[in-house]
C-alpha cells in the first residue's frame, strides 16, 4: 500500500521568517488521520529566512534528524555543542532526558530543510548531538543510509530507534531499488519528480508506504529523495 499525500494537502503556513509544511499533525495543525506513521512522528518541510531561526527551546524523548536541502543551519545546545550543517549534510539529536537547543540561519540566503522526528525505542538516556557530511555523489543512483539505529549501519549517524533515514539522487530516467526491512516507510522527493512502484510524486509530496517489500523508483526528472523506514 502506498498513499500519496500531495504537498498542497499538507498543514502549516507562512510566518514571515518561516514557511513550513507539516506532513503530520504539528503545532496548530491537527489531523487525526495524520498523527504519525509507525514511529515517525514529525516531518516538517521548512524554509527559514536569512538571519532568523528557532530560538532556544526544549526537547525530550525524541530522535530528531535534520536534512539540509539548501543553505545551512547553525546549531547550539545546552550541552555546549555548536556546529553548522550545510546543504546535503545531516545532523541528528537524541533528546533523551532533556536538552535545549537553538537553530539559526546565519546565511544570506534562505535555508531549506526537512526536520524529522522519530519516537525512540525507550525513553530517557543522556542527550546527544552530531552532524556528518554525506556527499551527493556518494548516493548517485542508489539509497545511502544517513542515520540509523539498526545493526550494520556503522557509517550512518546514530539514533536510538529501530529506524533508518536514507537519501538518494537520481538523474532523469534513472532507476533505483530499495528493499524494505518491514514496518512503515515514508518517502519525500526534496526536488524533482519520481514514480515509486508506479505512483507518481512531485517535489514535496509524501508517500506513506506499508506492506511493500521492495521500492522501485524511477526519476521522471532529476530528483533528490529522502526516505525513512521504521520497524
C-alpha atoms as a PDB file:
ATOM      1  CA  UNK A   1       0.000   0.000   0.000  1.00  0.00           C
ATOM      2  CA  UNK A   2       1.288   3.427  -0.977  1.00  0.00           C
ATOM      3  CA  UNK A   3      -0.720   6.547  -0.145  1.00  0.00           C
ATOM      4  CA  UNK A   4       0.164   9.766  -1.953  1.00  0.00           C
ATOM      5  CA  UNK A   5      -0.015  12.892   0.216  1.00  0.00           C
ATOM      6  CA  UNK A   6       0.304  15.880  -2.142  1.00  0.00           C
ATOM      7  CA  UNK A   7       2.295  18.876  -0.940  1.00  0.00           C
ATOM      8  CA  UNK A   8      -0.784  21.104  -1.369  1.00  0.00           C
ATOM      9  CA  UNK A   9      -2.714  18.957   1.136  1.00  0.00           C
ATOM     10  CA  UNK A  10      -0.189  19.394   3.963  1.00  0.00           C
ATOM     11  CA  UNK A  11      -0.712  21.608   7.010  1.00  0.00           C
ATOM     12  CA  UNK A  12       1.472  24.549   8.004  1.00  0.00           C
ATOM     13  CA  UNK A  13       1.652  28.169   6.926  1.00  0.00           C
ATOM     14  CA  UNK A  14       3.722  31.328   6.485  1.00  0.00           C
ATOM     15  CA  UNK A  15       5.000  33.282   9.473  1.00  0.00           C
ATOM     16  CA  UNK A  16       7.224  35.918   7.915  1.00  0.00           C
ATOM     17  CA  UNK A  17      10.557  34.402   8.893  1.00  0.00           C
ATOM     18  CA  UNK A  18       9.360  30.808   8.371  1.00  0.00           C
ATOM     19  CA  UNK A  19       7.425  28.963   5.677  1.00  0.00           C
ATOM     20  CA  UNK A  20       6.531  25.481   6.848  1.00  0.00           C
ATOM     21  CA  UNK A  21       4.547  22.450   5.738  1.00  0.00           C
ATOM     22  CA  UNK A  22       3.681  19.576   8.085  1.00  0.00           C
ATOM     23  CA  UNK A  23       3.275  16.015   6.802  1.00  0.00           C
ATOM     24  CA  UNK A  24       1.886  15.073  10.229  1.00  0.00           C
ATOM     25  CA  UNK A  25      -0.065  16.907  12.923  1.00  0.00           C
ATOM     26  CA  UNK A  26       2.204  19.533  14.466  1.00  0.00           C
ATOM     27  CA  UNK A  27       1.795  22.845  16.330  1.00  0.00           C
ATOM     28  CA  UNK A  28      -1.570  24.353  15.277  1.00  0.00           C
ATOM     29  CA  UNK A  29      -2.134  21.769  12.519  1.00  0.00           C
ATOM     30  CA  UNK A  30      -4.279  18.853  13.687  1.00  0.00           C
ATOM     31  CA  UNK A  31      -5.438  15.984  11.512  1.00  0.00           C
ATOM     32  CA  UNK A  32      -6.474  12.774  13.318  1.00  0.00           C
ATOM     33  CA  UNK A  33      -5.660  10.795  10.154  1.00  0.00           C
ATOM     34  CA  UNK A  34      -2.092  12.126  10.093  1.00  0.00           C
ATOM     35  CA  UNK A  35      -0.800  11.850  13.650  1.00  0.00           C
ATOM     36  CA  UNK A  36       2.152   9.560  12.879  1.00  0.00           C
ATOM     37  CA  UNK A  37       3.315   6.771  10.564  1.00  0.00           C
ATOM     38  CA  UNK A  38       4.682   3.956  12.683  1.00  0.00           C
ATOM     39  CA  UNK A  39       7.407   5.504  14.846  1.00  0.00           C
ATOM     40  CA  UNK A  40       7.673   8.507  12.517  1.00  0.00           C
ATOM     41  CA  UNK A  41       6.004  11.377  14.371  1.00  0.00           C
ATOM     42  CA  UNK A  42       7.013  14.607  12.552  1.00  0.00           C
ATOM     43  CA  UNK A  43       8.182  15.508   9.049  1.00  0.00           C
ATOM     44  CA  UNK A  44       8.331  19.274   8.571  1.00  0.00           C
ATOM     45  CA  UNK A  45       9.368  20.967   5.332  1.00  0.00           C
ATOM     46  CA  UNK A  46      10.819  24.329   6.453  1.00  0.00           C
ATOM     47  CA  UNK A  47      12.139  27.402   4.663  1.00  0.00           C
ATOM     48  CA  UNK A  48      13.936  29.722   7.129  1.00  0.00           C
ATOM     49  CA  UNK A  49      14.646  33.320   6.148  1.00  0.00           C
ATOM     50  CA  UNK A  50      18.226  34.661   6.375  1.00  0.00           C
ATOM     51  CA  UNK A  51      19.208  35.986   9.795  1.00  0.00           C
ATOM     52  CA  UNK A  52      16.358  34.216  11.603  1.00  0.00           C
ATOM     53  CA  UNK A  53      15.703  30.854  13.199  1.00  0.00           C
ATOM     54  CA  UNK A  54      14.391  28.903  16.142  1.00  0.00           C
ATOM     55  CA  UNK A  55      15.368  30.439  19.498  1.00  0.00           C
ATOM     56  CA  UNK A  56      16.349  28.122  22.397  1.00  0.00           C
ATOM     57  CA  UNK A  57      13.597  25.609  23.193  1.00  0.00           C
ATOM     58  CA  UNK A  58      13.421  22.211  24.915  1.00  0.00           C
ATOM     59  CA  UNK A  59      13.004  18.639  23.651  1.00  0.00           C
ATOM     60  CA  UNK A  60      12.944  15.273  25.348  1.00  0.00           C
ATOM     61  CA  UNK A  61      12.406  11.622  24.396  1.00  0.00           C
ATOM     62  CA  UNK A  62      12.632  12.152  20.637  1.00  0.00           C
ATOM     63  CA  UNK A  63      15.146  11.337  17.883  1.00  0.00           C
ATOM     64  CA  UNK A  64      15.424  14.355  15.568  1.00  0.00           C
ATOM     65  CA  UNK A  65      17.012  14.205  12.106  1.00  0.00           C
ATOM     66  CA  UNK A  66      17.646  17.451  10.213  1.00  0.00           C
ATOM     67  CA  UNK A  67      18.307  17.101   6.483  1.00  0.00           C
ATOM     68  CA  UNK A  68      19.553  20.366   4.973  1.00  0.00           C
ATOM     69  CA  UNK A  69      18.459  20.868   1.357  1.00  0.00           C
ATOM     70  CA  UNK A  70      19.681  24.414   0.623  1.00  0.00           C
ATOM     71  CA  UNK A  71      21.759  26.895   2.628  1.00  0.00           C
ATOM     72  CA  UNK A  72      22.925  25.852   6.095  1.00  0.00           C
ATOM     73  CA  UNK A  73      21.676  25.612   9.674  1.00  0.00           C
ATOM     74  CA  UNK A  74      23.722  26.587  12.757  1.00  0.00           C
ATOM     75  CA  UNK A  75      23.061  24.613  15.933  1.00  0.00           C
ATOM     76  CA  UNK A  76      23.689  25.470  19.591  1.00  0.00           C
ATOM     77  CA  UNK A  77      22.566  23.451  22.610  1.00  0.00           C
ATOM     78  CA  UNK A  78      22.646  23.218  26.387  1.00  0.00           C
ATOM     79  CA  UNK A  79      25.404  20.578  26.241  1.00  0.00           C
ATOM     80  CA  UNK A  80      27.772  23.136  24.735  1.00  0.00           C
ATOM     81  CA  UNK A  81      27.613  21.685  21.220  1.00  0.00           C
ATOM     82  CA  UNK A  82      27.768  24.103  18.307  1.00  0.00           C
ATOM     83  CA  UNK A  83      28.002  23.379  14.610  1.00  0.00           C
ATOM     84  CA  UNK A  84      26.999  24.355  11.092  1.00  0.00           C
ATOM     85  CA  UNK A  85      25.357  21.789   8.803  1.00  0.00           C
ATOM     86  CA  UNK A  86      25.337  22.664   5.102  1.00  0.00           C
ATOM     87  CA  UNK A  87      23.163  21.543   2.186  1.00  0.00           C
ATOM     88  CA  UNK A  88      23.368  17.814   1.577  1.00  0.00           C
ATOM     89  CA  UNK A  89      24.563  17.067   5.096  1.00  0.00           C
ATOM     90  CA  UNK A  90      22.661  15.744   8.093  1.00  0.00           C
ATOM     91  CA  UNK A  91      22.508  16.377  11.824  1.00  0.00           C
ATOM     92  CA  UNK A  92      20.869  14.229  14.484  1.00  0.00           C
ATOM     93  CA  UNK A  93      19.866  14.933  18.068  1.00  0.00           C
ATOM     94  CA  UNK A  94      18.823  12.385  20.679  1.00  0.00           C
ATOM     95  CA  UNK A  95      16.825  14.482  23.130  1.00  0.00           C
ATOM     96  CA  UNK A  96      16.832  11.798  25.838  1.00  0.00           C
ATOM     97  CA  UNK A  97      16.131  13.102  29.332  1.00  0.00           C
ATOM     98  CA  UNK A  98      16.061  16.673  28.029  1.00  0.00           C
ATOM     99  CA  UNK A  99      18.021  19.203  26.005  1.00  0.00           C
ATOM    100  CA  UNK A 100      17.585  22.820  24.953  1.00  0.00           C
ATOM    101  CA  UNK A 101      18.775  23.883  21.530  1.00  0.00           C
ATOM    102  CA  UNK A 102      18.560  26.693  19.001  1.00  0.00           C
ATOM    103  CA  UNK A 103      18.804  26.557  15.198  1.00  0.00           C
ATOM    104  CA  UNK A 104      19.601  29.662  13.165  1.00  0.00           C
ATOM    105  CA  UNK A 105      20.021  30.509   9.514  1.00  0.00           C
ATOM    106  CA  UNK A 106      23.123  32.675   9.607  1.00  0.00           C
ATOM    107  CA  UNK A 107      23.464  32.628   5.813  1.00  0.00           C
ATOM    108  CA  UNK A 108      22.479  35.369   3.346  1.00  0.00           C
ATOM    109  CA  UNK A 109      20.089  33.023   1.514  1.00  0.00           C
ATOM    110  CA  UNK A 110      17.047  31.054   2.706  1.00  0.00           C
ATOM    111  CA  UNK A 111      17.725  27.698   4.303  1.00  0.00           C
ATOM    112  CA  UNK A 112      15.515  24.807   3.245  1.00  0.00           C
ATOM    113  CA  UNK A 113      15.423  21.659   5.341  1.00  0.00           C
ATOM    114  CA  UNK A 114      13.451  18.642   6.425  1.00  0.00           C
ATOM    115  CA  UNK A 115      13.096  18.142  10.166  1.00  0.00           C
ATOM    116  CA  UNK A 116      12.125  14.578  11.015  1.00  0.00           C
ATOM    117  CA  UNK A 117      11.168  13.273  14.460  1.00  0.00           C
ATOM    118  CA  UNK A 118      11.155   9.573  15.368  1.00  0.00           C
ATOM    119  CA  UNK A 119       9.910   8.092  18.651  1.00  0.00           C
ATOM    120  CA  UNK A 120      12.848   6.347  20.407  1.00  0.00           C
ATOM    121  CA  UNK A 121      12.830   2.690  21.396  1.00  0.00           C
ATOM    122  CA  UNK A 122      12.704   3.701  25.061  1.00  0.00           C
ATOM    123  CA  UNK A 123      12.525   6.995  26.984  1.00  0.00           C
ATOM    124  CA  UNK A 124      15.427   8.563  28.835  1.00  0.00           C
ATOM    125  CA  UNK A 125      19.148   8.370  28.260  1.00  0.00           C
ATOM    126  CA  UNK A 126      21.727  11.123  28.078  1.00  0.00           C
ATOM    127  CA  UNK A 127      21.035  13.666  25.308  1.00  0.00           C
ATOM    128  CA  UNK A 128      23.429  13.768  22.359  1.00  0.00           C
ATOM    129  CA  UNK A 129      24.023  15.622  19.072  1.00  0.00           C
ATOM    130  CA  UNK A 130      26.087  15.015  15.947  1.00  0.00           C
ATOM    131  CA  UNK A 131      26.500  16.045  12.317  1.00  0.00           C
ATOM    132  CA  UNK A 132      28.143  14.473   9.283  1.00  0.00           C
ATOM    133  CA  UNK A 133      28.702  15.261   5.593  1.00  0.00           C
ATOM    134  CA  UNK A 134      27.097  12.981   3.027  1.00  0.00           C
ATOM    135  CA  UNK A 135      28.339  13.978  -0.458  1.00  0.00           C
ATOM    136  CA  UNK A 136      25.560  13.683  -3.010  1.00  0.00           C
ATOM    137  CA  UNK A 137      27.934  11.965  -5.409  1.00  0.00           C
ATOM    138  CA  UNK A 138      28.179   9.027  -3.000  1.00  0.00           C
ATOM    139  CA  UNK A 139      24.423   8.413  -3.274  1.00  0.00           C
ATOM    140  CA  UNK A 140      24.071   8.950  -7.010  1.00  0.00           C
ATOM    141  CA  UNK A 141      21.763   6.260  -8.356  1.00  0.00           C
ATOM    142  CA  UNK A 142      21.316   4.498  -5.018  1.00  0.00           C
ATOM    143  CA  UNK A 143      19.993   4.857  -1.496  1.00  0.00           C
ATOM    144  CA  UNK A 144      22.589   5.514   1.211  1.00  0.00           C
ATOM    145  CA  UNK A 145      21.838   5.291   4.930  1.00  0.00           C
ATOM    146  CA  UNK A 146      22.255   8.668   6.636  1.00  0.00           C
ATOM    147  CA  UNK A 147      21.034   7.967  10.179  1.00  0.00           C
ATOM    148  CA  UNK A 148      20.198   4.651  11.794  1.00  0.00           C
ATOM    149  CA  UNK A 149      19.532   2.758  14.974  1.00  0.00           C
ATOM    150  CA  UNK A 150      19.825  -0.619  13.231  1.00  0.00           C
ATOM    151  CA  UNK A 151      22.741  -3.018  13.171  1.00  0.00           C
ATOM    152  CA  UNK A 152      25.041  -2.982  10.178  1.00  0.00           C
ATOM    153  CA  UNK A 153      24.748   0.767   9.521  1.00  0.00           C
ATOM    154  CA  UNK A 154      28.077   1.743  11.073  1.00  0.00           C
ATOM    155  CA  UNK A 155      28.731   4.604   8.637  1.00  0.00           C
ATOM    156  CA  UNK A 156      25.459   6.368   9.494  1.00  0.00           C
ATOM    157  CA  UNK A 157      24.790   8.893  12.241  1.00  0.00           C
ATOM    158  CA  UNK A 158      23.425   7.002  15.274  1.00  0.00           C
ATOM    159  CA  UNK A 159      19.863   7.319  16.531  1.00  0.00           C
ATOM    160  CA  UNK A 160      18.151   5.431  19.357  1.00  0.00           C
ATOM    161  CA  UNK A 161      15.257   3.963  17.422  1.00  0.00           C
ATOM    162  CA  UNK A 162      14.663   0.907  15.263  1.00  0.00           C
ATOM    163  CA  UNK A 163      14.627   3.083  12.176  1.00  0.00           C
ATOM    164  CA  UNK A 164      16.830   4.477   9.457  1.00  0.00           C
ATOM    165  CA  UNK A 165      16.873   7.558   7.263  1.00  0.00           C
ATOM    166  CA  UNK A 166      18.219   7.275   3.720  1.00  0.00           C
ATOM    167  CA  UNK A 167      18.982   9.583   0.815  1.00  0.00           C
ATOM    168  CA  UNK A 168      19.391   9.131  -2.940  1.00  0.00           C
ATOM    169  CA  UNK A 169      19.940  11.292  -6.011  1.00  0.00           C
ATOM    170  CA  UNK A 170      18.713  10.178  -9.427  1.00  0.00           C
ATOM    171  CA  UNK A 171      19.118  11.609 -12.909  1.00  0.00           C
ATOM    172  CA  UNK A 172      16.054  11.794 -15.154  1.00  0.00           C
ATOM    173  CA  UNK A 173      15.275   8.299 -16.425  1.00  0.00           C
ATOM    174  CA  UNK A 174      17.498   6.640 -13.827  1.00  0.00           C
ATOM    175  CA  UNK A 175      16.119   3.897 -11.590  1.00  0.00           C
ATOM    176  CA  UNK A 176      16.957   2.679  -8.099  1.00  0.00           C
ATOM    177  CA  UNK A 177      15.666  -0.124  -5.915  1.00  0.00           C
ATOM    178  CA  UNK A 178      15.457  -0.373  -2.141  1.00  0.00           C
ATOM    179  CA  UNK A 179      14.431  -3.462  -0.207  1.00  0.00           C
ATOM    180  CA  UNK A 180      12.451  -2.536   2.905  1.00  0.00           C
ATOM    181  CA  UNK A 181      13.130  -4.227   6.222  1.00  0.00           C
ATOM    182  CA  UNK A 182       9.455  -4.170   7.229  1.00  0.00           C
ATOM    183  CA  UNK A 183       7.158  -1.898   9.196  1.00  0.00           C
ATOM    184  CA  UNK A 184       6.403   1.557   7.810  1.00  0.00           C
ATOM    185  CA  UNK A 185       8.225   3.797   5.355  1.00  0.00           C
ATOM    186  CA  UNK A 186       7.774   7.399   4.228  1.00  0.00           C
ATOM    187  CA  UNK A 187       9.420   8.924   1.156  1.00  0.00           C
ATOM    188  CA  UNK A 188       9.563  12.574   0.062  1.00  0.00           C
ATOM    189  CA  UNK A 189      11.248  13.942  -3.077  1.00  0.00           C
ATOM    190  CA  UNK A 190      13.186  17.018  -1.960  1.00  0.00           C
ATOM    191  CA  UNK A 191      13.464  18.003  -5.632  1.00  0.00           C
ATOM    192  CA  UNK A 192      12.320  16.619  -8.954  1.00  0.00           C
ATOM    193  CA  UNK A 193       9.646  14.054  -9.730  1.00  0.00           C
ATOM    194  CA  UNK A 194       9.615  10.267  -9.424  1.00  0.00           C
ATOM    195  CA  UNK A 195       7.460   7.176  -9.735  1.00  0.00           C
ATOM    196  CA  UNK A 196       7.547   4.768  -6.795  1.00  0.00           C
ATOM    197  CA  UNK A 197       6.044   1.357  -7.568  1.00  0.00           C
ATOM    198  CA  UNK A 198       4.028   3.120 -10.262  1.00  0.00           C
ATOM    199  CA  UNK A 199       2.825   6.029  -8.040  1.00  0.00           C
ATOM    200  CA  UNK A 200       3.891   9.477  -9.304  1.00  0.00           C
ATOM    201  CA  UNK A 201       5.159  12.023  -6.767  1.00  0.00           C
ATOM    202  CA  UNK A 202       6.467  15.564  -7.248  1.00  0.00           C
ATOM    203  CA  UNK A 203       8.800  17.612  -5.068  1.00  0.00           C
ATOM    204  CA  UNK A 204       7.394  17.971  -1.547  1.00  0.00           C
ATOM    205  CA  UNK A 205       4.785  15.220  -1.883  1.00  0.00           C
ATOM    206  CA  UNK A 206       4.771  12.465   0.736  1.00  0.00           C
ATOM    207  CA  UNK A 207       4.410   8.753   0.063  1.00  0.00           C
ATOM    208  CA  UNK A 208       3.191   6.735   3.079  1.00  0.00           C
ATOM    209  CA  UNK A 209       4.253   3.130   2.492  1.00  0.00           C
ATOM    210  CA  UNK A 210       3.148  -0.025   4.272  1.00  0.00           C
ATOM    211  CA  UNK A 211       3.195  -3.689   3.297  1.00  0.00           C
ATOM    212  CA  UNK A 212       5.663  -3.255   0.417  1.00  0.00           C
ATOM    213  CA  UNK A 213       8.805  -5.372   0.348  1.00  0.00           C
ATOM    214  CA  UNK A 214      10.681  -3.501  -2.386  1.00  0.00           C
ATOM    215  CA  UNK A 215      10.568   0.077  -3.653  1.00  0.00           C
ATOM    216  CA  UNK A 216      11.183   0.516  -7.369  1.00  0.00           C
ATOM    217  CA  UNK A 217      11.942   4.193  -8.004  1.00  0.00           C
ATOM    218  CA  UNK A 218      12.213   5.829 -11.431  1.00  0.00           C
ATOM    219  CA  UNK A 219      13.083   9.500 -11.827  1.00  0.00           C
ATOM    220  CA  UNK A 220      10.879  11.439 -14.246  1.00  0.00           C
ATOM    221  CA  UNK A 221      13.157  14.443 -13.593  1.00  0.00           C
ATOM    222  CA  UNK A 222      16.482  14.854 -11.795  1.00  0.00           C
ATOM    223  CA  UNK A 223      15.488  14.099  -8.202  1.00  0.00           C
ATOM    224  CA  UNK A 224      16.797  14.145  -4.648  1.00  0.00           C
ATOM    225  CA  UNK A 225      14.988  11.744  -2.310  1.00  0.00           C
ATOM    226  CA  UNK A 226      14.731  11.242   1.432  1.00  0.00           C
ATOM    227  CA  UNK A 227      13.294   8.020   2.857  1.00  0.00           C
ATOM    228  CA  UNK A 228      12.599   6.976   6.450  1.00  0.00           C
ATOM    229  CA  UNK A 229      11.728   3.420   7.419  1.00  0.00           C
ATOM    230  CA  UNK A 230      10.711   2.375  10.928  1.00  0.00           C
ATOM    231  CA  UNK A 231      10.433  -1.147  12.285  1.00  0.00           C
END
